[in-house]
Amino acid sequence: MSTLTIAGTISFPLAGEASPPSTPFSTQLIYNERNIDDVVLVGAQADVDLMGLMTDAKACFIEGVSGTGAFKINGATPTLDISSSGGFWIWLNPNGGLTSLTVTTTTNASFRIYMFA
């Protein structure tokens, strides 16, 4: 078993404050399975499955590398749009629950996907 650690700081200005407050966060997850994929899609693609052989992920990090994509999480709509201009998505639930992840693109796009179960 291995440990995934997600740590960072959220900082944002409130009502024009000179020094915005920051809130640190950190969490750890014990995982048994890991999958890292560089997904490259050429042209318009619809509902491309990104789960691979994983059936119930506990954590997922998606990073936009180029282009944009509309991600559908567990079949839900509306979709989550991620672009390469700093777009990313992090999901973590120690009980699992990520059972379906697809992406739809309108042009060339690529993403790096880290998934843990």
PDB file of N, CA and C in Angstrom:
ATOM      1  N   MET A   1       0.833  -1.177   0.000  1.00  0.00           N
ATOM      2  CA  MET A   1       0.000   0.000   0.000  1.00  0.00           C
ATOM      3  C   MET A   1       0.877   1.240   0.000  1.00  0.00           C
ATOM      4  N   SER A   2       0.378   2.279  -0.650  1.00  0.00           N
ATOM      5  CA  SER A   2       1.092   3.549  -0.726  1.00  0.00           C
ATOM      6  C   SER A   2       0.177   4.672  -0.257  1.00  0.00           C
ATOM      7  N   THR A   3       0.775   5.844  -0.047  1.00  0.00           N
ATOM      8  CA  THR A   3       0.017   6.989   0.449  1.00  0.00           C
ATOM      9  C   THR A   3       0.040   8.126  -0.562  1.00  0.00           C
ATOM     10  N   LEU A   4      -1.138   8.657  -0.861  1.00  0.00           N
ATOM     11  CA  LEU A   4      -1.296   9.859  -1.679  1.00  0.00           C
ATOM     12  C   LEU A   4      -1.511  11.018  -0.720  1.00  0.00           C
ATOM     13  N   THR A   5      -0.769  12.108  -0.893  1.00  0.00           N
ATOM     14  CA  THR A   5      -0.948  13.312  -0.083  1.00  0.00           C
ATOM     15  C   THR A   5      -1.312  14.465  -1.000  1.00  0.00           C
ATOM     16  N   ILE A   6      -2.384  15.159  -0.662  1.00  0.00           N
ATOM     17  CA  ILE A   6      -2.779  16.379  -1.367  1.00  0.00           C
ATOM     18  C   ILE A   6      -2.663  17.505  -0.358  1.00  0.00           C
ATOM     19  N   ALA A   7      -1.851  18.522  -0.670  1.00  0.00           N
ATOM     20  CA  ALA A   7      -1.639  19.632   0.249  1.00  0.00           C
ATOM     21  C   ALA A   7      -1.505  20.915  -0.545  1.00  0.00           C
ATOM     22  N   GLY A   8      -1.971  21.996   0.013  1.00  0.00           N
ATOM     23  CA  GLY A   8      -1.863  23.276  -0.658  1.00  0.00           C
ATOM     24  C   GLY A   8      -2.439  24.391   0.182  1.00  0.00           C
ATOM     25  N   THR A   9      -2.597  25.548  -0.439  1.00  0.00           N
ATOM     26  CA  THR A   9      -3.148  26.721   0.224  1.00  0.00           C
ATOM     27  C   THR A   9      -4.133  27.387  -0.712  1.00  0.00           C
ATOM     28  N   ILE A  10      -5.278  27.763  -0.180  1.00  0.00           N
ATOM     29  CA  ILE A  10      -6.264  28.535  -0.930  1.00  0.00           C
ATOM     30  C   ILE A  10      -6.175  29.962  -0.422  1.00  0.00           C
ATOM     31  N   SER A  11      -5.972  30.921  -1.341  1.00  0.00           N
ATOM     32  CA  SER A  11      -5.835  32.315  -0.955  1.00  0.00           C
ATOM     33  C   SER A  11      -6.652  33.174  -1.909  1.00  0.00           C
ATOM     34  N   PHE A  12      -7.417  34.094  -1.357  1.00  0.00           N
ATOM     35  CA  PHE A  12      -8.242  34.966  -2.191  1.00  0.00           C
ATOM     36  C   PHE A  12      -8.547  36.253  -1.425  1.00  0.00           C
ATOM     37  N   PRO A  13      -8.635  37.391  -2.145  1.00  0.00           N
ATOM     38  CA  PRO A  13      -8.933  38.661  -1.475  1.00  0.00           C
ATOM     39  C   PRO A  13     -10.410  38.753  -1.093  1.00  0.00           C
ATOM     40  N   LEU A  14     -10.669  39.360   0.047  1.00  0.00           N
ATOM     41  CA  LEU A  14     -12.030  39.619   0.503  1.00  0.00           C
ATOM     42  C   LEU A  14     -12.212  41.127   0.654  1.00  0.00           C
ATOM     43  N   ALA A  15     -13.130  41.706  -0.084  1.00  0.00           N
ATOM     44  CA  ALA A  15     -13.465  43.133   0.034  1.00  0.00           C
ATOM     45  C   ALA A  15     -12.243  44.033  -0.059  1.00  0.00           C
ATOM     46  N   GLY A  16     -11.347  43.757  -0.997  1.00  0.00           N
ATOM     47  CA  GLY A  16     -10.209  44.628  -1.257  1.00  0.00           C
ATOM     48  C   GLY A  16      -9.158  44.643  -0.164  1.00  0.00           C
ATOM     49  N   GLU A  17      -9.047  43.592   0.632  1.00  0.00           N
ATOM     50  CA  GLU A  17      -8.034  43.552   1.680  1.00  0.00           C
ATOM     51  C   GLU A  17      -6.638  43.525   1.071  1.00  0.00           C
ATOM     52  N   ALA A  18      -5.702  44.201   1.721  1.00  0.00           N
ATOM     53  CA  ALA A  18      -4.326  44.246   1.228  1.00  0.00           C
ATOM     54  C   ALA A  18      -3.672  42.875   1.303  1.00  0.00           C
ATOM     55  N   SER A  19      -3.925  42.141   2.360  1.00  0.00           N
ATOM     56  CA  SER A  19      -3.356  40.808   2.536  1.00  0.00           C
ATOM     57  C   SER A  19      -4.498  39.798   2.603  1.00  0.00           C
ATOM     58  N   PRO A  20      -4.734  39.089   1.516  1.00  0.00           N
ATOM     59  CA  PRO A  20      -5.849  38.138   1.531  1.00  0.00           C
ATOM     60  C   PRO A  20      -5.592  37.000   2.516  1.00  0.00           C
ATOM     61  N   PRO A  21      -6.643  36.537   3.173  1.00  0.00           N
ATOM     62  CA  PRO A  21      -6.470  35.399   4.076  1.00  0.00           C
ATOM     63  C   PRO A  21      -6.140  34.147   3.276  1.00  0.00           C
ATOM     64  N   SER A  22      -5.426  33.228   3.885  1.00  0.00           N
ATOM     65  CA  SER A  22      -5.131  31.965   3.221  1.00  0.00           C
ATOM     66  C   SER A  22      -5.502  30.830   4.156  1.00  0.00           C
ATOM     67  N   THR A  23      -5.972  29.758   3.575  1.00  0.00           N
ATOM     68  CA  THR A  23      -6.379  28.584   4.330  1.00  0.00           C
ATOM     69  C   THR A  23      -5.597  27.387   3.831  1.00  0.00           C
ATOM     70  N   PRO A  24      -4.716  26.829   4.666  1.00  0.00           N
ATOM     71  CA  PRO A  24      -3.992  25.626   4.238  1.00  0.00           C
ATOM     72  C   PRO A  24      -4.906  24.403   4.326  1.00  0.00           C
ATOM     73  N   PHE A  25      -4.653  23.444   3.466  1.00  0.00           N
ATOM     74  CA  PHE A  25      -5.398  22.189   3.532  1.00  0.00           C
ATOM     75  C   PHE A  25      -4.451  21.045   3.227  1.00  0.00           C
ATOM     76  N   SER A  26      -4.769  19.888   3.793  1.00  0.00           N
ATOM     77  CA  SER A  26      -3.954  18.709   3.565  1.00  0.00           C
ATOM     78  C   SER A  26      -4.786  17.476   3.869  1.00  0.00           C
ATOM     79  N   THR A  27      -4.613  16.454   3.067  1.00  0.00           N
ATOM     80  CA  THR A  27      -5.287  15.183   3.305  1.00  0.00           C
ATOM     81  C   THR A  27      -4.413  14.059   2.774  1.00  0.00           C
ATOM     82  N   GLN A  28      -4.574  12.889   3.338  1.00  0.00           N
ATOM     83  CA  GLN A  28      -3.827  11.721   2.892  1.00  0.00           C
ATOM     84  C   GLN A  28      -4.781  10.576   2.625  1.00  0.00           C
ATOM     85  N   LEU A  29      -4.387   9.721   1.702  1.00  0.00           N
ATOM     86  CA  LEU A  29      -5.209   8.588   1.306  1.00  0.00           C
ATOM     87  C   LEU A  29      -4.306   7.381   1.077  1.00  0.00           C
ATOM     88  N   ILE A  30      -4.653   6.268   1.687  1.00  0.00           N
ATOM     89  CA  ILE A  30      -3.948   5.010   1.434  1.00  0.00           C
ATOM     90  C   ILE A  30      -4.589   4.380   0.196  1.00  0.00           C
ATOM     91  N   TYR A  31      -3.768   4.018  -0.788  1.00  0.00           N
ATOM     92  CA  TYR A  31      -4.306   3.417  -2.011  1.00  0.00           C
ATOM     93  C   TYR A  31      -3.550   2.146  -2.357  1.00  0.00           C
ATOM     94  N   ASN A  32      -4.220   1.273  -3.094  1.00  0.00           N
ATOM     95  CA  ASN A  32      -3.635   0.010  -3.525  1.00  0.00           C
ATOM     96  C   ASN A  32      -3.288   0.002  -5.006  1.00  0.00           C
ATOM     97  N   GLU A  33      -3.963   0.837  -5.779  1.00  0.00           N
ATOM     98  CA  GLU A  33      -3.819   0.831  -7.235  1.00  0.00           C
ATOM     99  C   GLU A  33      -3.664   2.261  -7.722  1.00  0.00           C
ATOM    100  N   ARG A  34      -2.780   2.458  -8.714  1.00  0.00           N
ATOM    101  CA  ARG A  34      -2.544   3.787  -9.279  1.00  0.00           C
ATOM    102  C   ARG A  34      -2.476   3.672 -10.789  1.00  0.00           C
ATOM    103  N   ASN A  35      -3.047   4.670 -11.469  1.00  0.00           N
ATOM    104  CA  ASN A  35      -2.992   4.713 -12.919  1.00  0.00           C
ATOM    105  C   ASN A  35      -2.714   6.150 -13.343  1.00  0.00           C
ATOM    106  N   ILE A  36      -1.660   6.342 -14.143  1.00  0.00           N
ATOM    107  CA  ILE A  36      -1.328   7.669 -14.662  1.00  0.00           C
ATOM    108  C   ILE A  36      -1.354   7.582 -16.177  1.00  0.00           C
ATOM    109  N   ASP A  37      -2.193   8.415 -16.803  1.00  0.00           N
ATOM    110  CA  ASP A  37      -2.339   8.384 -18.265  1.00  0.00           C
ATOM    111  C   ASP A  37      -2.181   9.766 -18.862  1.00  0.00           C
ATOM    112  N   ASP A  38      -1.446   9.828 -19.964  1.00  0.00           N
ATOM    113  CA  ASP A  38      -1.439  11.011 -20.812  1.00  0.00           C
ATOM    114  C   ASP A  38      -2.419  10.723 -21.934  1.00  0.00           C
ATOM    115  N   VAL A  39      -3.539  11.420 -21.928  1.00  0.00           N
ATOM    116  CA  VAL A  39      -4.607  11.191 -22.903  1.00  0.00           C
ATOM    117  C   VAL A  39      -4.490  12.239 -23.999  1.00  0.00           C
ATOM    118  N   VAL A  40      -4.338  11.794 -25.243  1.00  0.00           N
ATOM    119  CA  VAL A  40      -4.254  12.690 -26.394  1.00  0.00           C
ATOM    120  C   VAL A  40      -5.416  12.364 -27.315  1.00  0.00           C
ATOM    121  N   LEU A  41      -6.268  13.353 -27.562  1.00  0.00           N
ATOM    122  CA  LEU A  41      -7.444  13.167 -28.414  1.00  0.00           C
ATOM    123  C   LEU A  41      -7.299  14.026 -29.658  1.00  0.00           C
ATOM    124  N   VAL A  42      -7.520  13.435 -30.812  1.00  0.00           N
ATOM    125  CA  VAL A  42      -7.393  14.139 -32.087  1.00  0.00           C
ATOM    126  C   VAL A  42      -8.788  14.421 -32.628  1.00  0.00           C
ATOM    127  N   GLY A  43      -9.075  15.696 -32.850  1.00  0.00           N
ATOM    128  CA  GLY A  43     -10.381  16.086 -33.384  1.00  0.00           C
ATOM    129  C   GLY A  43     -11.484  15.949 -32.349  1.00  0.00           C
ATOM    130  N   ALA A  44     -12.701  16.095 -32.824  1.00  0.00           N
ATOM    131  CA  ALA A  44     -13.865  15.984 -31.945  1.00  0.00           C
ATOM    132  C   ALA A  44     -14.054  14.535 -31.509  1.00  0.00           C
ATOM    133  N   GLN A  45     -14.215  14.327 -30.200  1.00  0.00           N
ATOM    134  CA  GLN A  45     -14.434  13.000 -29.625  1.00  0.00           C
ATOM    135  C   GLN A  45     -15.591  13.116 -28.632  1.00  0.00           C
ATOM    136  N   ALA A  46     -16.411  12.087 -28.534  1.00  0.00           N
ATOM    137  CA  ALA A  46     -17.560  12.121 -27.626  1.00  0.00           C
ATOM    138  C   ALA A  46     -17.486  10.995 -26.604  1.00  0.00           C
ATOM    139  N   ASP A  47     -17.649  11.354 -25.342  1.00  0.00           N
ATOM    140  CA  ASP A  47     -17.750  10.408 -24.230  1.00  0.00           C
ATOM    141  C   ASP A  47     -16.646   9.345 -24.235  1.00  0.00           C
ATOM    142  N   VAL A  48     -15.391   9.790 -24.308  1.00  0.00           N
ATOM    143  CA  VAL A  48     -14.243   8.883 -24.260  1.00  0.00           C
ATOM    144  C   VAL A  48     -14.050   8.427 -22.811  1.00  0.00           C
ATOM    145  N   ASP A  49     -14.037   7.116 -22.581  1.00  0.00           N
ATOM    146  CA  ASP A  49     -13.887   6.545 -21.243  1.00  0.00           C
ATOM    147  C   ASP A  49     -12.464   6.757 -20.743  1.00  0.00           C
ATOM    148  N   LEU A  50     -12.330   7.320 -19.539  1.00  0.00           N
ATOM    149  CA  LEU A  50     -11.020   7.595 -18.963  1.00  0.00           C
ATOM    150  C   LEU A  50     -10.711   6.746 -17.739  1.00  0.00           C
ATOM    151  N   MET A  51     -11.614   5.854 -17.351  1.00  0.00           N
ATOM    152  CA  MET A  51     -11.410   5.032 -16.159  1.00  0.00           C
ATOM    153  C   MET A  51     -10.426   3.885 -16.405  1.00  0.00           C
ATOM    154  N   GLY A  52     -10.281   3.453 -17.643  1.00  0.00           N
ATOM    155  CA  GLY A  52      -9.408   2.318 -17.918  1.00  0.00           C
ATOM    156  C   GLY A  52      -9.928   1.081 -17.218  1.00  0.00           C
ATOM    157  N   LEU A  53      -9.059   0.362 -16.537  1.00  0.00           N
ATOM    158  CA  LEU A  53      -9.457  -0.853 -15.826  1.00  0.00           C
ATOM    159  C   LEU A  53      -9.932  -0.570 -14.405  1.00  0.00           C
ATOM    160  N   MET A  54      -9.819   0.677 -13.949  1.00  0.00           N
ATOM    161  CA  MET A  54     -10.242   1.027 -12.602  1.00  0.00           C
ATOM    162  C   MET A  54     -11.768   1.140 -12.563  1.00  0.00           C
ATOM    163  N   THR A  55     -12.384   0.568 -11.549  1.00  0.00           N
ATOM    164  CA  THR A  55     -13.847   0.575 -11.486  1.00  0.00           C
ATOM    165  C   THR A  55     -14.411   1.438 -10.364  1.00  0.00           C
ATOM    166  N   ASP A  56     -13.592   1.784  -9.371  1.00  0.00           N
ATOM    167  CA  ASP A  56     -14.080   2.572  -8.237  1.00  0.00           C
ATOM    168  C   ASP A  56     -12.900   3.341  -7.653  1.00  0.00           C
ATOM    169  N   ALA A  57     -12.631   4.522  -8.199  1.00  0.00           N
ATOM    170  CA  ALA A  57     -11.477   5.315  -7.770  1.00  0.00           C
ATOM    171  C   ALA A  57     -11.789   6.076  -6.486  1.00  0.00           C
ATOM    172  N   LYS A  58     -10.752   6.237  -5.657  1.00  0.00           N
ATOM    173  CA  LYS A  58     -10.851   7.020  -4.427  1.00  0.00           C
ATOM    174  C   LYS A  58     -10.350   8.445  -4.629  1.00  0.00           C
ATOM    175  N   ALA A  59      -9.487   8.638  -5.633  1.00  0.00           N
ATOM    176  CA  ALA A  59      -8.935   9.966  -5.885  1.00  0.00           C
ATOM    177  C   ALA A  59      -8.608  10.108  -7.364  1.00  0.00           C
ATOM    178  N   CYS A  60      -8.715  11.342  -7.849  1.00  0.00           N
ATOM    179  CA  CYS A  60      -8.403  11.615  -9.253  1.00  0.00           C
ATOM    180  C   CYS A  60      -7.927  13.058  -9.373  1.00  0.00           C
ATOM    181  N   PHE A  61      -6.888  13.267 -10.173  1.00  0.00           N
ATOM    182  CA  PHE A  61      -6.393  14.599 -10.509  1.00  0.00           C
ATOM    183  C   PHE A  61      -6.309  14.671 -12.021  1.00  0.00           C
ATOM    184  N   ILE A  62      -6.987  15.657 -12.613  1.00  0.00           N
ATOM    185  CA  ILE A  62      -6.947  15.861 -14.065  1.00  0.00           C
ATOM    186  C   ILE A  62      -6.311  17.218 -14.323  1.00  0.00           C
ATOM    187  N   GLU A  63      -5.306  17.222 -15.203  1.00  0.00           N
ATOM    188  CA  GLU A  63      -4.612  18.450 -15.574  1.00  0.00           C
ATOM    189  C   GLU A  63      -4.804  18.697 -17.072  1.00  0.00           C
ATOM    190  N   GLY A  64      -5.263  19.900 -17.429  1.00  0.00           N
ATOM    191  CA  GLY A  64      -5.380  20.270 -18.832  1.00  0.00           C
ATOM    192  C   GLY A  64      -4.007  20.561 -19.400  1.00  0.00           C
ATOM    193  N   VAL A  65      -3.607  19.857 -20.468  1.00  0.00           N
ATOM    194  CA  VAL A  65      -2.294  20.062 -21.092  1.00  0.00           C
ATOM    195  C   VAL A  65      -2.434  20.915 -22.342  1.00  0.00           C
ATOM    196  N   SER A  66      -3.396  20.568 -23.207  1.00  0.00           N
ATOM    197  CA  SER A  66      -3.669  21.396 -24.387  1.00  0.00           C
ATOM    198  C   SER A  66      -5.138  21.240 -24.763  1.00  0.00           C
ATOM    199  N   GLY A  67      -5.712  22.282 -25.331  1.00  0.00           N
ATOM    200  CA  GLY A  67      -7.111  22.238 -25.728  1.00  0.00           C
ATOM    201  C   GLY A  67      -8.045  22.282 -24.529  1.00  0.00           C
ATOM    202  N   THR A  68      -9.286  21.898 -24.761  1.00  0.00           N
ATOM    203  CA  THR A  68     -10.288  21.878 -23.700  1.00  0.00           C
ATOM    204  C   THR A  68     -11.120  20.613 -23.803  1.00  0.00           C
ATOM    205  N   GLY A  69     -11.754  20.271 -22.694  1.00  0.00           N
ATOM    206  CA  GLY A  69     -12.621  19.103 -22.684  1.00  0.00           C
ATOM    207  C   GLY A  69     -13.751  19.287 -21.700  1.00  0.00           C
ATOM    208  N   ALA A  70     -14.876  18.650 -21.990  1.00  0.00           N
ATOM    209  CA  ALA A  70     -16.032  18.642 -21.103  1.00  0.00           C
ATOM    210  C   ALA A  70     -16.086  17.266 -20.451  1.00  0.00           C
ATOM    211  N   PHE A  71     -15.851  17.209 -19.148  1.00  0.00           N
ATOM    212  CA  PHE A  71     -15.775  15.958 -18.405  1.00  0.00           C
ATOM    213  C   PHE A  71     -17.110  15.651 -17.753  1.00  0.00           C
ATOM    214  N   LYS A  72     -17.508  14.400 -17.850  1.00  0.00           N
ATOM    215  CA  LYS A  72     -18.735  13.925 -17.219  1.00  0.00           C
ATOM    216  C   LYS A  72     -18.319  12.981 -16.095  1.00  0.00           C
ATOM    217  N   ILE A  73     -18.691  13.331 -14.858  1.00  0.00           N
ATOM    218  CA  ILE A  73     -18.306  12.560 -13.684  1.00  0.00           C
ATOM    219  C   ILE A  73     -19.500  11.717 -13.236  1.00  0.00           C
ATOM    220  N   ASN A  74     -19.312  10.395 -13.163  1.00  0.00           N
ATOM    221  CA  ASN A  74     -20.369   9.457 -12.779  1.00  0.00           C
ATOM    222  C   ASN A  74     -21.634   9.659 -13.604  1.00  0.00           C
ATOM    223  N   GLY A  75     -21.459   9.994 -14.880  1.00  0.00           N
ATOM    224  CA  GLY A  75     -22.571  10.131 -15.805  1.00  0.00           C
ATOM    225  C   GLY A  75     -23.388  11.387 -15.643  1.00  0.00           C
ATOM    226  N   ALA A  76     -23.007  12.258 -14.704  1.00  0.00           N
ATOM    227  CA  ALA A  76     -23.812  13.446 -14.401  1.00  0.00           C
ATOM    228  C   ALA A  76     -23.664  14.527 -15.467  1.00  0.00           C
ATOM    229  N   THR A  77     -24.726  15.250 -15.670  1.00  0.00           N
ATOM    230  CA  THR A  77     -24.684  16.471 -16.469  1.00  0.00           C
ATOM    231  C   THR A  77     -25.209  17.588 -15.600  1.00  0.00           C
ATOM    232  N   PRO A  78     -24.777  18.823 -15.694  1.00  0.00           N
ATOM    233  CA  PRO A  78     -23.882  19.309 -16.727  1.00  0.00           C
ATOM    234  C   PRO A  78     -22.447  18.806 -16.530  1.00  0.00           C
ATOM    235  N   THR A  79     -21.645  19.053 -17.520  1.00  0.00           N
ATOM    236  CA  THR A  79     -20.268  18.584 -17.502  1.00  0.00           C
ATOM    237  C   THR A  79     -19.358  19.608 -16.839  1.00  0.00           C
ATOM    238  N   LEU A  80     -18.149  19.179 -16.523  1.00  0.00           N
ATOM    239  CA  LEU A  80     -17.120  20.026 -15.950  1.00  0.00           C
ATOM    240  C   LEU A  80     -16.109  20.332 -17.051  1.00  0.00           C
ATOM    241  N   ASP A  81     -15.953  21.606 -17.402  1.00  0.00           N
ATOM    242  CA  ASP A  81     -15.033  21.991 -18.471  1.00  0.00           C
ATOM    243  C   ASP A  81     -13.650  22.268 -17.895  1.00  0.00           C
ATOM    244  N   ILE A  82     -12.617  21.682 -18.529  1.00  0.00           N
ATOM    245  CA  ILE A  82     -11.231  21.894 -18.120  1.00  0.00           C
ATOM    246  C   ILE A  82     -10.445  22.323 -19.351  1.00  0.00           C
ATOM    247  N   SER A  83      -9.672  23.410 -19.216  1.00  0.00           N
ATOM    248  CA  SER A  83      -8.860  23.878 -20.334  1.00  0.00           C
ATOM    249  C   SER A  83      -7.388  23.854 -19.966  1.00  0.00           C
ATOM    250  N   SER A  84      -6.540  23.983 -20.966  1.00  0.00           N
ATOM    251  CA  SER A  84      -5.096  23.934 -20.752  1.00  0.00           C
ATOM    252  C   SER A  84      -4.559  25.233 -20.166  1.00  0.00           C
ATOM    253  N   SER A  85      -5.370  26.265 -20.064  1.00  0.00           N
ATOM    254  CA  SER A  85      -4.887  27.538 -19.509  1.00  0.00           C
ATOM    255  C   SER A  85      -5.008  27.514 -17.983  1.00  0.00           C
ATOM    256  N   GLY A  86      -4.390  26.514 -17.359  1.00  0.00           N
ATOM    257  CA  GLY A  86      -4.377  26.407 -15.908  1.00  0.00           C
ATOM    258  C   GLY A  86      -5.510  25.576 -15.340  1.00  0.00           C
ATOM    259  N   GLY A  87      -6.258  24.897 -16.182  1.00  0.00           N
ATOM    260  CA  GLY A  87      -7.390  24.118 -15.704  1.00  0.00           C
ATOM    261  C   GLY A  87      -6.984  22.798 -15.079  1.00  0.00           C
ATOM    262  N   PHE A  88      -7.609  22.473 -13.946  1.00  0.00           N
ATOM    263  CA  PHE A  88      -7.403  21.178 -13.314  1.00  0.00           C
ATOM    264  C   PHE A  88      -8.609  20.848 -12.451  1.00  0.00           C
ATOM    265  N   TRP A  89      -8.702  19.570 -12.044  1.00  0.00           N
ATOM    266  CA  TRP A  89      -9.783  19.099 -11.180  1.00  0.00           C
ATOM    267  C   TRP A  89      -9.206  18.064 -10.235  1.00  0.00           C
ATOM    268  N   ILE A  90      -9.542  18.184  -8.952  1.00  0.00           N
ATOM    269  CA  ILE A  90      -9.102  17.221  -7.944  1.00  0.00           C
ATOM    270  C   ILE A  90     -10.339  16.661  -7.258  1.00  0.00           C
ATOM    271  N   TRP A  91     -10.366  15.330  -7.115  1.00  0.00           N
ATOM    272  CA  TRP A  91     -11.464  14.671  -6.404  1.00  0.00           C
ATOM    273  C   TRP A  91     -10.860  13.639  -5.470  1.00  0.00           C
ATOM    274  N   LEU A  92     -11.348  13.588  -4.216  1.00  0.00           N
ATOM    275  CA  LEU A  92     -10.849  12.609  -3.261  1.00  0.00           C
ATOM    276  C   LEU A  92     -11.989  12.214  -2.323  1.00  0.00           C
ATOM    277  N   ASN A  93     -12.188  10.907  -2.163  1.00  0.00           N
ATOM    278  CA  ASN A  93     -13.157  10.358  -1.221  1.00  0.00           C
ATOM    279  C   ASN A  93     -12.603   9.018  -0.753  1.00  0.00           C
ATOM    280  N   PRO A  94     -12.200   8.904   0.525  1.00  0.00           N
ATOM    281  CA  PRO A  94     -11.611   7.658   1.017  1.00  0.00           C
ATOM    282  C   PRO A  94     -12.508   6.439   0.844  1.00  0.00           C
ATOM    283  N   ASN A  95     -13.809   6.654   0.666  1.00  0.00           N
ATOM    284  CA  ASN A  95     -14.746   5.545   0.483  1.00  0.00           C
ATOM    285  C   ASN A  95     -14.918   5.156  -0.982  1.00  0.00           C
ATOM    286  N   GLY A  96     -14.185   5.803  -1.873  1.00  0.00           N
ATOM    287  CA  GLY A  96     -14.356   5.531  -3.302  1.00  0.00           C
ATOM    288  C   GLY A  96     -15.558   6.273  -3.846  1.00  0.00           C
ATOM    289  N   GLY A  97     -16.038   5.824  -4.989  1.00  0.00           N
ATOM    290  CA  GLY A  97     -17.243   6.428  -5.544  1.00  0.00           C
ATOM    291  C   GLY A  97     -17.092   7.021  -6.929  1.00  0.00           C
ATOM    292  N   LEU A  98     -15.869   7.178  -7.428  1.00  0.00           N
ATOM    293  CA  LEU A  98     -15.708   7.633  -8.809  1.00  0.00           C
ATOM    294  C   LEU A  98     -15.757   6.393  -9.692  1.00  0.00           C
ATOM    295  N   THR A  99     -16.893   6.167 -10.335  1.00  0.00           N
ATOM    296  CA  THR A  99     -17.102   4.936 -11.097  1.00  0.00           C
ATOM    297  C   THR A  99     -17.209   5.165 -12.598  1.00  0.00           C
ATOM    298  N   SER A 100     -17.324   6.422 -13.006  1.00  0.00           N
ATOM    299  CA  SER A 100     -17.421   6.727 -14.432  1.00  0.00           C
ATOM    300  C   SER A 100     -16.821   8.098 -14.679  1.00  0.00           C
ATOM    301  N   LEU A 101     -15.926   8.188 -15.664  1.00  0.00           N
ATOM    302  CA  LEU A 101     -15.298   9.451 -16.031  1.00  0.00           C
ATOM    303  C   LEU A 101     -15.109   9.448 -17.544  1.00  0.00           C
ATOM    304  N   THR A 102     -15.770  10.378 -18.226  1.00  0.00           N
ATOM    305  CA  THR A 102     -15.637  10.496 -19.685  1.00  0.00           C
ATOM    306  C   THR A 102     -15.340  11.937 -20.059  1.00  0.00           C
ATOM    307  N   VAL A 103     -14.816  12.123 -21.267  1.00  0.00           N
ATOM    308  CA  VAL A 103     -14.539  13.468 -21.768  1.00  0.00           C
ATOM    309  C   VAL A 103     -15.043  13.592 -23.197  1.00  0.00           C
ATOM    310  N   THR A 104     -15.522  14.788 -23.528  1.00  0.00           N
ATOM    311  CA  THR A 104     -15.938  15.128 -24.883  1.00  0.00           C
ATOM    312  C   THR A 104     -15.148  16.354 -25.311  1.00  0.00           C
ATOM    313  N   THR A 105     -14.600  16.310 -26.537  1.00  0.00           N
ATOM    314  CA  THR A 105     -13.828  17.438 -27.068  1.00  0.00           C
ATOM    315  C   THR A 105     -14.401  17.877 -28.409  1.00  0.00           C
ATOM    316  N   THR A 106     -14.113  19.119 -28.779  1.00  0.00           N
ATOM    317  CA  THR A 106     -14.550  19.621 -30.081  1.00  0.00           C
ATOM    318  C   THR A 106     -13.380  19.780 -31.040  1.00  0.00           C
ATOM    319  N   THR A 107     -12.168  19.680 -30.525  1.00  0.00           N
ATOM    320  CA  THR A 107     -10.957  19.782 -31.330  1.00  0.00           C
ATOM    321  C   THR A 107      -9.840  19.030 -30.601  1.00  0.00           C
ATOM    322  N   ASN A 108      -8.628  19.060 -31.113  1.00  0.00           N
ATOM    323  CA  ASN A 108      -7.511  18.365 -30.471  1.00  0.00           C
ATOM    324  C   ASN A 108      -7.355  18.806 -29.015  1.00  0.00           C
ATOM    325  N   ALA A 109      -7.090  17.845 -28.139  1.00  0.00           N
ATOM    326  CA  ALA A 109      -6.895  18.150 -26.717  1.00  0.00           C
ATOM    327  C   ALA A 109      -6.069  17.054 -26.073  1.00  0.00           C
ATOM    328  N   SER A 110      -5.391  17.419 -24.983  1.00  0.00           N
ATOM    329  CA  SER A 110      -4.662  16.411 -24.214  1.00  0.00           C
ATOM    330  C   SER A 110      -4.745  16.741 -22.729  1.00  0.00           C
ATOM    331  N   PHE A 111      -4.734  15.674 -21.930  1.00  0.00           N
ATOM    332  CA  PHE A 111      -4.887  15.783 -20.486  1.00  0.00           C
ATOM    333  C   PHE A 111      -3.987  14.763 -19.810  1.00  0.00           C
ATOM    334  N   ARG A 112      -3.523  15.074 -18.620  1.00  0.00           N
ATOM    335  CA  ARG A 112      -2.804  14.119 -17.791  1.00  0.00           C
ATOM    336  C   ARG A 112      -3.751  13.736 -16.668  1.00  0.00           C
ATOM    337  N   ILE A 113      -3.941  12.428 -16.478  1.00  0.00           N
ATOM    338  CA  ILE A 113      -4.901  11.935 -15.490  1.00  0.00           C
ATOM    339  C   ILE A 113      -4.192  11.012 -14.510  1.00  0.00           C
ATOM    340  N   TYR A 114      -4.309  11.342 -13.237  1.00  0.00           N
ATOM    341  CA  TYR A 114      -3.792  10.534 -12.144  1.00  0.00           C
ATOM    342  C   TYR A 114      -5.009   9.963 -11.417  1.00  0.00           C
ATOM    343  N   MET A 115      -5.096   8.636 -11.287  1.00  0.00           N
ATOM    344  CA  MET A 115      -6.243   8.012 -10.641  1.00  0.00           C
ATOM    345  C   MET A 115      -5.746   6.979  -9.617  1.00  0.00           C
ATOM    346  N   PHE A 116      -6.406   6.955  -8.457  1.00  0.00           N
ATOM    347  CA  PHE A 116      -5.982   6.103  -7.350  1.00  0.00           C
ATOM    348  C   PHE A 116      -7.176   5.337  -6.790  1.00  0.00           C
ATOM    349  N   ALA A 117      -6.974   4.060  -6.464  1.00  0.00           N
ATOM    350  CA  ALA A 117      -8.053   3.250  -5.862  1.00  0.00           C
ATOM    351  C   ALA A 117      -7.497   2.470  -4.679  1.00  0.00           C
TER     352      ALA A 117
END
